[in-house]
Amino acid sequence: MEERDGDAGDAELQRRVAIGEREAFESLYRRYGPPAYGLALRVTGHALLAQEVVHDAFMALWSAPEAFDPARGTFRSFFLSLVHHRSVDTIRREERLRRRTARVNPEPLEDEDVADIVTRDHWLASRRDDVLRALRRLPPEQREVVELAYFQGMTQARIAEVRGLPLGTVKTRTLAAMRKLRAMLEGEGG
């Protein structure tokens, strides 16, 4: 029932955005900014590109709020789909730019060593696996706050609100999780 109330509230906020209410837009931004950023960051892999995507998505919402059709689904689905599509478009645009740059400058930069790039990429992939393994070893309540913060872009205050926990509990769990992760990763050759 709570999810339906949220959907109805989102639809009402979007309706108010359609008539130019800035406060409604700000409410949607507060609600969907963090998950939109988390999604964009996962797709693009770059913080600045993710910020650009989220900014563009919210500007599109402000410019053309009528694009949302409640008959086709929830506002959350609509907006996060918009962010996803813009993220993919951004990645494609960046790839086209890289290819164009490579055509203009086919020679590798003199100080660029392909072996260094391969080694770095291998190290990053290995480190990512180490982090995921360590994350799975955390107690569920600590893993949850880390996942909500880092993969969904939620603030500690938002996590406390969503999970119905005191903010101090969320902060304590986060700190404990980060300490355990650091210890586990340093133990694996960090």
N, C-alpha and C. Protein backbone atom coordinates (compact mmCIF):
# COMPACT_ATOMS: atom_id res chain seq x y z
N MET A 1 0.83 -1.20 0.00
CA MET A 1 0.00 0.00 0.00
C MET A 1 0.87 1.26 0.00
N GLU A 2 1.98 1.21 0.75
CA GLU A 2 2.86 2.36 0.85
C GLU A 2 3.45 2.72 -0.52
N GLU A 3 3.77 1.69 -1.35
CA GLU A 3 4.33 1.94 -2.67
C GLU A 3 3.31 2.65 -3.56
N ARG A 4 2.05 2.24 -3.48
CA ARG A 4 1.00 2.89 -4.28
C ARG A 4 0.85 4.35 -3.88
N ASP A 5 0.93 4.61 -2.56
CA ASP A 5 0.85 6.00 -2.09
C ASP A 5 2.00 6.82 -2.66
N GLY A 6 3.20 6.21 -2.70
CA GLY A 6 4.36 6.89 -3.28
C GLY A 6 4.15 7.16 -4.75
N ASP A 7 3.60 6.18 -5.48
CA ASP A 7 3.33 6.35 -6.91
C ASP A 7 2.33 7.48 -7.13
N ALA A 8 1.27 7.50 -6.31
CA ALA A 8 0.26 8.55 -6.44
C ALA A 8 0.88 9.91 -6.10
N GLY A 9 1.72 9.93 -5.07
CA GLY A 9 2.40 11.19 -4.70
C GLY A 9 3.31 11.67 -5.81
N ASP A 10 4.03 10.74 -6.43
CA ASP A 10 4.92 11.10 -7.55
C ASP A 10 4.10 11.67 -8.71
N ALA A 11 3.00 11.01 -9.01
CA ALA A 11 2.14 11.47 -10.12
C ALA A 11 1.61 12.88 -9.83
N GLU A 12 1.26 13.12 -8.58
CA GLU A 12 0.76 14.45 -8.19
C GLU A 12 1.88 15.49 -8.32
N LEU A 13 3.07 15.13 -7.85
CA LEU A 13 4.20 16.06 -7.98
C LEU A 13 4.49 16.35 -9.45
N GLN A 14 4.46 15.32 -10.28
CA GLN A 14 4.73 15.50 -11.70
C GLN A 14 3.65 16.39 -12.33
N ARG A 15 2.40 16.19 -11.92
CA ARG A 15 1.31 17.04 -12.43
C ARG A 15 1.57 18.50 -12.08
N ARG A 16 2.06 18.73 -10.86
CA ARG A 16 2.36 20.10 -10.43
C ARG A 16 3.57 20.66 -11.17
N VAL A 17 4.53 19.80 -11.50
CA VAL A 17 5.68 20.25 -12.31
C VAL A 17 5.17 20.70 -13.67
N ALA A 18 4.19 19.97 -14.22
CA ALA A 18 3.64 20.29 -15.53
C ALA A 18 3.01 21.69 -15.57
N ILE A 19 2.58 22.17 -14.40
CA ILE A 19 2.01 23.53 -14.38
C ILE A 19 3.03 24.54 -13.86
N GLY A 20 4.29 24.10 -13.74
CA GLY A 20 5.37 25.02 -13.44
C GLY A 20 5.70 25.23 -11.98
N GLU A 21 5.26 24.34 -11.09
CA GLU A 21 5.54 24.50 -9.66
C GLU A 21 6.96 24.04 -9.33
N ARG A 22 7.78 24.99 -8.98
CA ARG A 22 9.18 24.71 -8.67
C ARG A 22 9.33 23.80 -7.44
N GLU A 23 8.47 24.00 -6.43
CA GLU A 23 8.57 23.19 -5.21
C GLU A 23 8.34 21.70 -5.51
N ALA A 24 7.42 21.41 -6.42
CA ALA A 24 7.15 20.02 -6.80
C ALA A 24 8.36 19.44 -7.52
N PHE A 25 8.97 20.24 -8.38
CA PHE A 25 10.18 19.80 -9.08
C PHE A 25 11.29 19.50 -8.08
N GLU A 26 11.46 20.38 -7.11
CA GLU A 26 12.49 20.18 -6.09
C GLU A 26 12.22 18.91 -5.28
N SER A 27 10.96 18.63 -4.99
CA SER A 27 10.62 17.40 -4.27
C SER A 27 10.98 16.17 -5.08
N LEU A 28 10.68 16.19 -6.36
CA LEU A 28 11.05 15.06 -7.22
C LEU A 28 12.58 14.93 -7.31
N TYR A 29 13.25 16.07 -7.35
CA TYR A 29 14.72 16.04 -7.40
C TYR A 29 15.29 15.41 -6.13
N ARG A 30 14.78 15.82 -4.98
CA ARG A 30 15.27 15.24 -3.71
C ARG A 30 14.99 13.74 -3.67
N ARG A 31 13.84 13.34 -4.16
CA ARG A 31 13.46 11.93 -4.11
C ARG A 31 14.23 11.08 -5.12
N TYR A 32 14.42 11.59 -6.33
CA TYR A 32 14.99 10.77 -7.41
C TYR A 32 16.40 11.13 -7.81
N GLY A 33 16.96 12.21 -7.26
CA GLY A 33 18.34 12.55 -7.56
C GLY A 33 19.32 11.44 -7.19
N PRO A 34 19.28 10.95 -5.94
CA PRO A 34 20.25 9.91 -5.56
C PRO A 34 20.12 8.60 -6.34
N PRO A 35 18.91 8.03 -6.48
CA PRO A 35 18.85 6.79 -7.27
C PRO A 35 19.19 7.01 -8.75
N ALA A 36 18.85 8.18 -9.27
CA ALA A 36 19.19 8.47 -10.67
C ALA A 36 20.70 8.55 -10.83
N TYR A 37 21.36 9.20 -9.88
CA TYR A 37 22.82 9.30 -9.94
C TYR A 37 23.45 7.92 -9.81
N GLY A 38 22.96 7.11 -8.89
CA GLY A 38 23.49 5.76 -8.72
C GLY A 38 23.37 4.95 -10.00
N LEU A 39 22.23 5.04 -10.66
CA LEU A 39 22.01 4.32 -11.91
C LEU A 39 22.95 4.85 -13.01
N ALA A 40 23.01 6.16 -13.14
CA ALA A 40 23.86 6.76 -14.18
C ALA A 40 25.33 6.41 -13.94
N LEU A 41 25.73 6.39 -12.69
CA LEU A 41 27.12 6.06 -12.38
C LEU A 41 27.43 4.60 -12.73
N ARG A 42 26.48 3.71 -12.43
CA ARG A 42 26.69 2.30 -12.78
C ARG A 42 26.80 2.12 -14.30
N VAL A 43 25.99 2.84 -15.06
CA VAL A 43 25.99 2.67 -16.51
C VAL A 43 27.20 3.34 -17.15
N THR A 44 27.51 4.57 -16.74
CA THR A 44 28.60 5.30 -17.39
C THR A 44 29.96 4.96 -16.81
N GLY A 45 30.00 4.66 -15.51
CA GLY A 45 31.27 4.37 -14.87
C GLY A 45 32.10 5.60 -14.56
N HIS A 46 31.54 6.79 -14.76
CA HIS A 46 32.27 8.04 -14.54
C HIS A 46 31.38 9.03 -13.79
N ALA A 47 31.90 9.56 -12.69
CA ALA A 47 31.11 10.47 -11.85
C ALA A 47 30.64 11.70 -12.62
N LEU A 48 31.53 12.33 -13.38
CA LEU A 48 31.14 13.55 -14.09
C LEU A 48 30.10 13.27 -15.17
N LEU A 49 30.26 12.16 -15.88
CA LEU A 49 29.25 11.80 -16.88
C LEU A 49 27.92 11.51 -16.21
N ALA A 50 27.95 10.83 -15.06
CA ALA A 50 26.72 10.52 -14.33
C ALA A 50 26.02 11.80 -13.89
N GLN A 51 26.79 12.76 -13.40
CA GLN A 51 26.20 14.04 -12.99
C GLN A 51 25.56 14.74 -14.19
N GLU A 52 26.24 14.70 -15.32
CA GLU A 52 25.71 15.32 -16.54
C GLU A 52 24.40 14.65 -16.96
N VAL A 53 24.37 13.33 -16.90
CA VAL A 53 23.17 12.58 -17.28
C VAL A 53 21.99 12.97 -16.39
N VAL A 54 22.21 12.98 -15.08
CA VAL A 54 21.13 13.29 -14.14
C VAL A 54 20.65 14.73 -14.35
N HIS A 55 21.58 15.64 -14.53
CA HIS A 55 21.20 17.03 -14.79
C HIS A 55 20.34 17.12 -16.05
N ASP A 56 20.80 16.47 -17.12
CA ASP A 56 20.04 16.50 -18.38
C ASP A 56 18.66 15.88 -18.23
N ALA A 57 18.57 14.78 -17.47
CA ALA A 57 17.27 14.12 -17.28
C ALA A 57 16.30 15.03 -16.53
N PHE A 58 16.79 15.69 -15.48
CA PHE A 58 15.91 16.60 -14.74
C PHE A 58 15.53 17.83 -15.58
N MET A 59 16.47 18.30 -16.40
CA MET A 59 16.15 19.43 -17.27
C MET A 59 15.10 19.02 -18.31
N ALA A 60 15.19 17.79 -18.80
CA ALA A 60 14.20 17.30 -19.74
C ALA A 60 12.83 17.21 -19.06
N LEU A 61 12.81 16.75 -17.81
CA LEU A 61 11.55 16.68 -17.06
C LEU A 61 10.95 18.07 -16.90
N TRP A 62 11.79 19.05 -16.56
CA TRP A 62 11.29 20.41 -16.36
C TRP A 62 10.80 21.00 -17.69
N SER A 63 11.53 20.73 -18.77
CA SER A 63 11.19 21.30 -20.08
C SER A 63 9.97 20.65 -20.72
N ALA A 64 9.81 19.34 -20.50
CA ALA A 64 8.72 18.62 -21.15
C ALA A 64 8.07 17.64 -20.18
N PRO A 65 7.44 18.16 -19.12
CA PRO A 65 6.85 17.26 -18.12
C PRO A 65 5.72 16.41 -18.68
N GLU A 66 5.15 16.82 -19.79
CA GLU A 66 4.06 16.05 -20.40
C GLU A 66 4.54 14.72 -20.99
N ALA A 67 5.83 14.51 -21.06
CA ALA A 67 6.37 13.24 -21.58
C ALA A 67 5.98 12.07 -20.69
N PHE A 68 5.73 12.34 -19.41
CA PHE A 68 5.31 11.27 -18.50
C PHE A 68 3.82 11.01 -18.69
N ASP A 69 3.49 9.75 -18.95
CA ASP A 69 2.11 9.33 -19.11
C ASP A 69 1.78 8.31 -18.01
N PRO A 70 1.00 8.71 -17.01
CA PRO A 70 0.70 7.79 -15.90
C PRO A 70 0.01 6.50 -16.36
N ALA A 71 -0.61 6.52 -17.51
CA ALA A 71 -1.28 5.32 -18.02
C ALA A 71 -0.26 4.25 -18.44
N ARG A 72 0.99 4.66 -18.66
CA ARG A 72 2.02 3.73 -19.13
C ARG A 72 2.89 3.18 -18.01
N GLY A 73 2.70 3.66 -16.78
CA GLY A 73 3.49 3.15 -15.66
C GLY A 73 3.73 4.20 -14.62
N THR A 74 4.56 3.85 -13.64
CA THR A 74 4.84 4.76 -12.54
C THR A 74 5.84 5.83 -12.96
N PHE A 75 5.84 6.92 -12.21
CA PHE A 75 6.80 7.98 -12.48
C PHE A 75 8.22 7.46 -12.27
N ARG A 76 8.41 6.67 -11.21
CA ARG A 76 9.74 6.12 -10.91
C ARG A 76 10.28 5.34 -12.11
N SER A 77 9.45 4.45 -12.67
CA SER A 77 9.88 3.67 -13.83
C SER A 77 10.19 4.57 -15.01
N PHE A 78 9.32 5.55 -15.25
CA PHE A 78 9.52 6.49 -16.34
C PHE A 78 10.84 7.24 -16.18
N PHE A 79 11.05 7.80 -15.00
CA PHE A 79 12.21 8.67 -14.82
C PHE A 79 13.52 7.88 -14.84
N LEU A 80 13.54 6.73 -14.14
CA LEU A 80 14.77 5.94 -14.14
C LEU A 80 15.06 5.35 -15.52
N SER A 81 14.01 5.07 -16.28
CA SER A 81 14.20 4.63 -17.67
C SER A 81 14.81 5.77 -18.50
N LEU A 82 14.33 6.97 -18.27
CA LEU A 82 14.88 8.15 -18.96
C LEU A 82 16.37 8.30 -18.63
N VAL A 83 16.72 8.15 -17.36
CA VAL A 83 18.12 8.25 -16.94
C VAL A 83 18.95 7.15 -17.59
N HIS A 84 18.41 5.95 -17.61
CA HIS A 84 19.14 4.83 -18.22
C HIS A 84 19.41 5.09 -19.70
N HIS A 85 18.38 5.50 -20.43
CA HIS A 85 18.55 5.76 -21.86
C HIS A 85 19.55 6.88 -22.11
N ARG A 86 19.48 7.92 -21.30
CA ARG A 86 20.44 9.03 -21.46
C ARG A 86 21.85 8.57 -21.11
N SER A 87 21.98 7.68 -20.14
CA SER A 87 23.30 7.14 -19.77
C SER A 87 23.89 6.36 -20.94
N VAL A 88 23.08 5.51 -21.53
CA VAL A 88 23.54 4.71 -22.67
C VAL A 88 23.91 5.63 -23.83
N ASP A 89 23.08 6.64 -24.09
CA ASP A 89 23.39 7.59 -25.16
C ASP A 89 24.71 8.32 -24.88
N THR A 90 24.95 8.65 -23.64
CA THR A 90 26.19 9.33 -23.26
C THR A 90 27.39 8.44 -23.52
N ILE A 91 27.28 7.16 -23.14
CA ILE A 91 28.37 6.22 -23.38
C ILE A 91 28.63 6.10 -24.89
N ARG A 92 27.58 6.02 -25.67
CA ARG A 92 27.75 5.93 -27.13
C ARG A 92 28.41 7.19 -27.69
N ARG A 93 27.98 8.34 -27.20
CA ARG A 93 28.57 9.60 -27.65
C ARG A 93 30.06 9.65 -27.30
N GLU A 94 30.41 9.24 -26.07
CA GLU A 94 31.81 9.23 -25.66
C GLU A 94 32.63 8.26 -26.52
N GLU A 95 32.04 7.12 -26.84
CA GLU A 95 32.75 6.14 -27.68
C GLU A 95 32.98 6.70 -29.09
N ARG A 96 31.96 7.37 -29.65
CA ARG A 96 32.14 7.99 -30.98
C ARG A 96 33.25 9.04 -30.93
N LEU A 97 33.29 9.81 -29.85
CA LEU A 97 34.33 10.83 -29.69
C LEU A 97 35.71 10.18 -29.60
N ARG A 98 35.81 9.08 -28.86
CA ARG A 98 37.09 8.36 -28.76
C ARG A 98 37.54 7.83 -30.13
N ARG A 99 36.58 7.25 -30.86
CA ARG A 99 36.94 6.72 -32.20
C ARG A 99 37.37 7.84 -33.13
N ARG A 100 36.66 8.96 -33.09
CA ARG A 100 37.01 10.10 -33.93
C ARG A 100 38.40 10.62 -33.56
N THR A 101 38.67 10.70 -32.27
CA THR A 101 39.99 11.15 -31.81
C THR A 101 41.06 10.17 -32.26
N ALA A 102 40.77 8.89 -32.19
CA ALA A 102 41.75 7.87 -32.62
C ALA A 102 42.03 7.98 -34.12
N ARG A 103 41.01 8.33 -34.92
CA ARG A 103 41.23 8.49 -36.36
C ARG A 103 42.11 9.71 -36.63
N VAL A 104 41.90 10.77 -35.87
CA VAL A 104 42.68 11.99 -36.06
C VAL A 104 44.10 11.81 -35.54
N ASN A 105 44.25 11.09 -34.43
CA ASN A 105 45.56 10.84 -33.81
C ASN A 105 45.78 9.33 -33.72
N PRO A 106 46.09 8.67 -34.84
CA PRO A 106 46.21 7.20 -34.81
C PRO A 106 47.41 6.69 -34.01
N GLU A 107 48.42 7.52 -33.84
CA GLU A 107 49.60 7.10 -33.09
C GLU A 107 49.33 7.21 -31.60
N PRO A 108 49.71 6.18 -30.82
CA PRO A 108 49.53 6.31 -29.37
C PRO A 108 50.42 7.43 -28.84
N LEU A 109 50.00 8.02 -27.76
CA LEU A 109 50.80 9.06 -27.15
C LEU A 109 52.14 8.46 -26.73
N GLU A 110 53.20 9.25 -26.85
CA GLU A 110 54.53 8.72 -26.59
C GLU A 110 54.69 8.16 -25.19
N ASP A 111 54.10 8.81 -24.21
CA ASP A 111 54.29 8.34 -22.83
C ASP A 111 53.26 7.28 -22.43
N GLU A 112 52.41 6.87 -23.36
CA GLU A 112 51.39 5.88 -23.06
C GLU A 112 51.94 4.49 -23.37
N ASP A 113 52.02 3.65 -22.35
CA ASP A 113 52.52 2.30 -22.52
C ASP A 113 51.33 1.34 -22.44
N VAL A 114 51.09 0.62 -23.51
CA VAL A 114 49.95 -0.30 -23.56
C VAL A 114 50.03 -1.33 -22.45
N ALA A 115 51.24 -1.78 -22.13
CA ALA A 115 51.40 -2.76 -21.03
C ALA A 115 50.92 -2.18 -19.71
N ASP A 116 51.17 -0.88 -19.48
CA ASP A 116 50.70 -0.23 -18.26
C ASP A 116 49.17 -0.21 -18.21
N ILE A 117 48.56 0.06 -19.36
CA ILE A 117 47.10 0.12 -19.42
C ILE A 117 46.51 -1.26 -19.13
N VAL A 118 47.07 -2.30 -19.76
CA VAL A 118 46.58 -3.66 -19.54
C VAL A 118 46.76 -4.06 -18.08
N THR A 119 47.92 -3.74 -17.51
CA THR A 119 48.18 -4.07 -16.11
C THR A 119 47.20 -3.34 -15.20
N ARG A 120 46.99 -2.05 -15.47
CA ARG A 120 46.06 -1.27 -14.65
C ARG A 120 44.64 -1.84 -14.75
N ASP A 121 44.20 -2.15 -15.97
CA ASP A 121 42.86 -2.69 -16.16
C ASP A 121 42.69 -4.03 -15.44
N HIS A 122 43.72 -4.86 -15.51
CA HIS A 122 43.68 -6.15 -14.81
C HIS A 122 43.61 -5.93 -13.30
N TRP A 123 44.42 -5.00 -12.79
CA TRP A 123 44.43 -4.71 -11.36
C TRP A 123 43.06 -4.20 -10.91
N LEU A 124 42.46 -3.29 -11.71
CA LEU A 124 41.15 -2.75 -11.36
C LEU A 124 40.08 -3.85 -11.34
N ALA A 125 40.11 -4.74 -12.33
CA ALA A 125 39.13 -5.84 -12.37
C ALA A 125 39.32 -6.75 -11.17
N SER A 126 40.56 -7.04 -10.85
CA SER A 126 40.86 -7.90 -9.70
C SER A 126 40.41 -7.22 -8.40
N ARG A 127 40.68 -5.93 -8.29
CA ARG A 127 40.30 -5.18 -7.08
C ARG A 127 38.79 -5.12 -6.93
N ARG A 128 38.10 -4.94 -8.05
CA ARG A 128 36.63 -4.90 -8.02
C ARG A 128 36.09 -6.24 -7.49
N ASP A 129 36.68 -7.35 -7.95
CA ASP A 129 36.27 -8.66 -7.46
C ASP A 129 36.55 -8.80 -5.96
N ASP A 130 37.71 -8.30 -5.51
CA ASP A 130 38.04 -8.34 -4.07
C ASP A 130 37.00 -7.57 -3.26
N VAL A 131 36.61 -6.41 -3.75
CA VAL A 131 35.63 -5.58 -3.04
C VAL A 131 34.29 -6.30 -2.97
N LEU A 132 33.85 -6.88 -4.07
CA LEU A 132 32.56 -7.58 -4.09
C LEU A 132 32.57 -8.79 -3.14
N ARG A 133 33.69 -9.51 -3.12
CA ARG A 133 33.82 -10.65 -2.20
C ARG A 133 33.76 -10.17 -0.74
N ALA A 134 34.48 -9.10 -0.46
CA ALA A 134 34.49 -8.56 0.90
C ALA A 134 33.10 -8.06 1.29
N LEU A 135 32.43 -7.43 0.37
CA LEU A 135 31.08 -6.92 0.62
C LEU A 135 30.13 -8.06 0.98
N ARG A 136 30.25 -9.19 0.29
CA ARG A 136 29.38 -10.34 0.57
C ARG A 136 29.66 -10.92 1.96
N ARG A 137 30.85 -10.69 2.50
CA ARG A 137 31.20 -11.23 3.82
C ARG A 137 30.72 -10.34 4.97
N LEU A 138 30.21 -9.15 4.67
CA LEU A 138 29.70 -8.27 5.73
C LEU A 138 28.39 -8.81 6.29
N PRO A 139 28.09 -8.50 7.55
CA PRO A 139 26.76 -8.83 8.08
C PRO A 139 25.69 -8.14 7.22
N PRO A 140 24.54 -8.77 7.04
CA PRO A 140 23.51 -8.23 6.13
C PRO A 140 23.13 -6.77 6.41
N GLU A 141 23.00 -6.39 7.69
CA GLU A 141 22.58 -5.01 7.99
C GLU A 141 23.66 -3.99 7.61
N GLN A 142 24.92 -4.39 7.68
CA GLN A 142 26.00 -3.49 7.27
C GLN A 142 26.11 -3.46 5.74
N ARG A 143 25.98 -4.61 5.12
CA ARG A 143 26.04 -4.67 3.65
C ARG A 143 24.92 -3.82 3.04
N GLU A 144 23.75 -3.88 3.64
CA GLU A 144 22.61 -3.13 3.11
C GLU A 144 22.89 -1.63 3.08
N VAL A 145 23.42 -1.05 4.16
CA VAL A 145 23.65 0.40 4.16
C VAL A 145 24.72 0.78 3.15
N VAL A 146 25.74 -0.06 2.99
CA VAL A 146 26.78 0.23 2.00
C VAL A 146 26.19 0.16 0.59
N GLU A 147 25.40 -0.87 0.30
CA GLU A 147 24.81 -1.01 -1.03
C GLU A 147 23.86 0.15 -1.34
N LEU A 148 23.04 0.54 -0.36
CA LEU A 148 22.12 1.65 -0.59
C LEU A 148 22.87 2.95 -0.84
N ALA A 149 23.96 3.15 -0.11
CA ALA A 149 24.73 4.39 -0.26
C ALA A 149 25.51 4.41 -1.57
N TYR A 150 26.23 3.34 -1.86
CA TYR A 150 27.14 3.37 -2.99
C TYR A 150 26.54 2.91 -4.31
N PHE A 151 25.55 2.04 -4.27
CA PHE A 151 24.99 1.55 -5.53
C PHE A 151 23.68 2.23 -5.88
N GLN A 152 23.00 2.81 -4.88
CA GLN A 152 21.76 3.51 -5.18
C GLN A 152 21.87 5.01 -4.93
N GLY A 153 23.03 5.45 -4.45
CA GLY A 153 23.27 6.88 -4.29
C GLY A 153 22.51 7.53 -3.15
N MET A 154 22.07 6.75 -2.17
CA MET A 154 21.30 7.32 -1.06
C MET A 154 22.23 7.93 -0.01
N THR A 155 21.77 9.00 0.59
CA THR A 155 22.48 9.58 1.72
C THR A 155 22.15 8.75 2.96
N GLN A 156 22.92 8.95 4.02
CA GLN A 156 22.64 8.22 5.26
C GLN A 156 21.27 8.63 5.81
N ALA A 157 20.93 9.89 5.68
CA ALA A 157 19.62 10.35 6.16
C ALA A 157 18.49 9.67 5.38
N ARG A 158 18.67 9.53 4.07
CA ARG A 158 17.64 8.88 3.23
C ARG A 158 17.53 7.39 3.58
N ILE A 159 18.68 6.74 3.82
CA ILE A 159 18.66 5.33 4.21
C ILE A 159 17.88 5.17 5.51
N ALA A 160 18.16 6.05 6.47
CA ALA A 160 17.46 6.00 7.76
C ALA A 160 15.95 6.16 7.54
N GLU A 161 15.59 7.09 6.69
CA GLU A 161 14.17 7.34 6.41
C GLU A 161 13.51 6.13 5.75
N VAL A 162 14.15 5.61 4.70
CA VAL A 162 13.59 4.50 3.93
C VAL A 162 13.50 3.23 4.77
N ARG A 163 14.51 2.96 5.56
CA ARG A 163 14.55 1.72 6.36
C ARG A 163 13.93 1.89 7.74
N GLY A 164 13.50 3.09 8.11
CA GLY A 164 12.86 3.32 9.40
C GLY A 164 13.83 3.12 10.56
N LEU A 165 15.08 3.54 10.35
CA LEU A 165 16.11 3.39 11.37
C LEU A 165 16.55 4.75 11.88
N PRO A 166 17.05 4.80 13.11
CA PRO A 166 17.63 6.07 13.57
C PRO A 166 18.88 6.38 12.74
N LEU A 167 19.11 7.65 12.48
CA LEU A 167 20.26 8.06 11.69
C LEU A 167 21.55 7.56 12.33
N GLY A 168 21.64 7.61 13.64
CA GLY A 168 22.84 7.14 14.34
C GLY A 168 23.12 5.67 14.06
N THR A 169 22.08 4.86 13.95
CA THR A 169 22.25 3.44 13.64
C THR A 169 22.83 3.26 12.24
N VAL A 170 22.32 4.04 11.30
CA VAL A 170 22.83 3.95 9.93
C VAL A 170 24.29 4.38 9.89
N LYS A 171 24.62 5.45 10.60
CA LYS A 171 26.01 5.92 10.62
C LYS A 171 26.93 4.87 11.26
N THR A 172 26.48 4.28 12.35
CA THR A 172 27.29 3.26 13.03
C THR A 172 27.51 2.05 12.13
N ARG A 173 26.44 1.60 11.46
CA ARG A 173 26.57 0.45 10.56
C ARG A 173 27.51 0.76 9.40
N THR A 174 27.40 1.97 8.87
CA THR A 174 28.26 2.36 7.75
C THR A 174 29.72 2.38 8.18
N LEU A 175 29.99 3.00 9.32
CA LEU A 175 31.37 3.08 9.82
C LEU A 175 31.94 1.68 10.08
N ALA A 176 31.14 0.84 10.73
CA ALA A 176 31.59 -0.53 11.01
C ALA A 176 31.85 -1.28 9.71
N ALA A 177 30.97 -1.12 8.74
CA ALA A 177 31.13 -1.80 7.45
C ALA A 177 32.40 -1.33 6.75
N MET A 178 32.64 -0.02 6.75
CA MET A 178 33.83 0.50 6.08
C MET A 178 35.11 0.01 6.76
N ARG A 179 35.10 -0.05 8.08
CA ARG A 179 36.28 -0.56 8.80
C ARG A 179 36.52 -2.03 8.47
N LYS A 180 35.45 -2.82 8.44
CA LYS A 180 35.59 -4.25 8.12
C LYS A 180 36.07 -4.43 6.68
N LEU A 181 35.51 -3.65 5.77
CA LEU A 181 35.93 -3.76 4.37
C LEU A 181 37.42 -3.41 4.24
N ARG A 182 37.83 -2.34 4.90
CA ARG A 182 39.24 -1.94 4.83
C ARG A 182 40.13 -3.06 5.36
N ALA A 183 39.75 -3.61 6.50
CA ALA A 183 40.56 -4.70 7.10
C ALA A 183 40.61 -5.91 6.16
N MET A 184 39.47 -6.27 5.59
CA MET A 184 39.44 -7.43 4.68
C MET A 184 40.28 -7.17 3.44
N LEU A 185 40.17 -5.97 2.88
CA LEU A 185 40.90 -5.67 1.65
C LEU A 185 42.40 -5.53 1.91
N GLU A 186 42.77 -4.98 3.04
CA GLU A 186 44.19 -4.90 3.37
C GLU A 186 44.76 -6.29 3.62
N GLY A 187 43.92 -7.17 4.15
CA GLY A 187 44.34 -8.55 4.38
C GLY A 187 44.53 -9.33 3.09
N GLU A 188 43.88 -8.86 2.00
CA GLU A 188 43.99 -9.54 0.70
C GLU A 188 45.08 -8.91 -0.17
N GLY A 189 45.96 -8.15 0.46
CA GLY A 189 47.06 -7.59 -0.31
C GLY A 189 46.83 -6.16 -0.74
N GLY A 190 45.70 -5.53 -0.24
CA GLY A 190 45.29 -4.18 -0.47
C GLY A 190 46.18 -3.31 -1.15
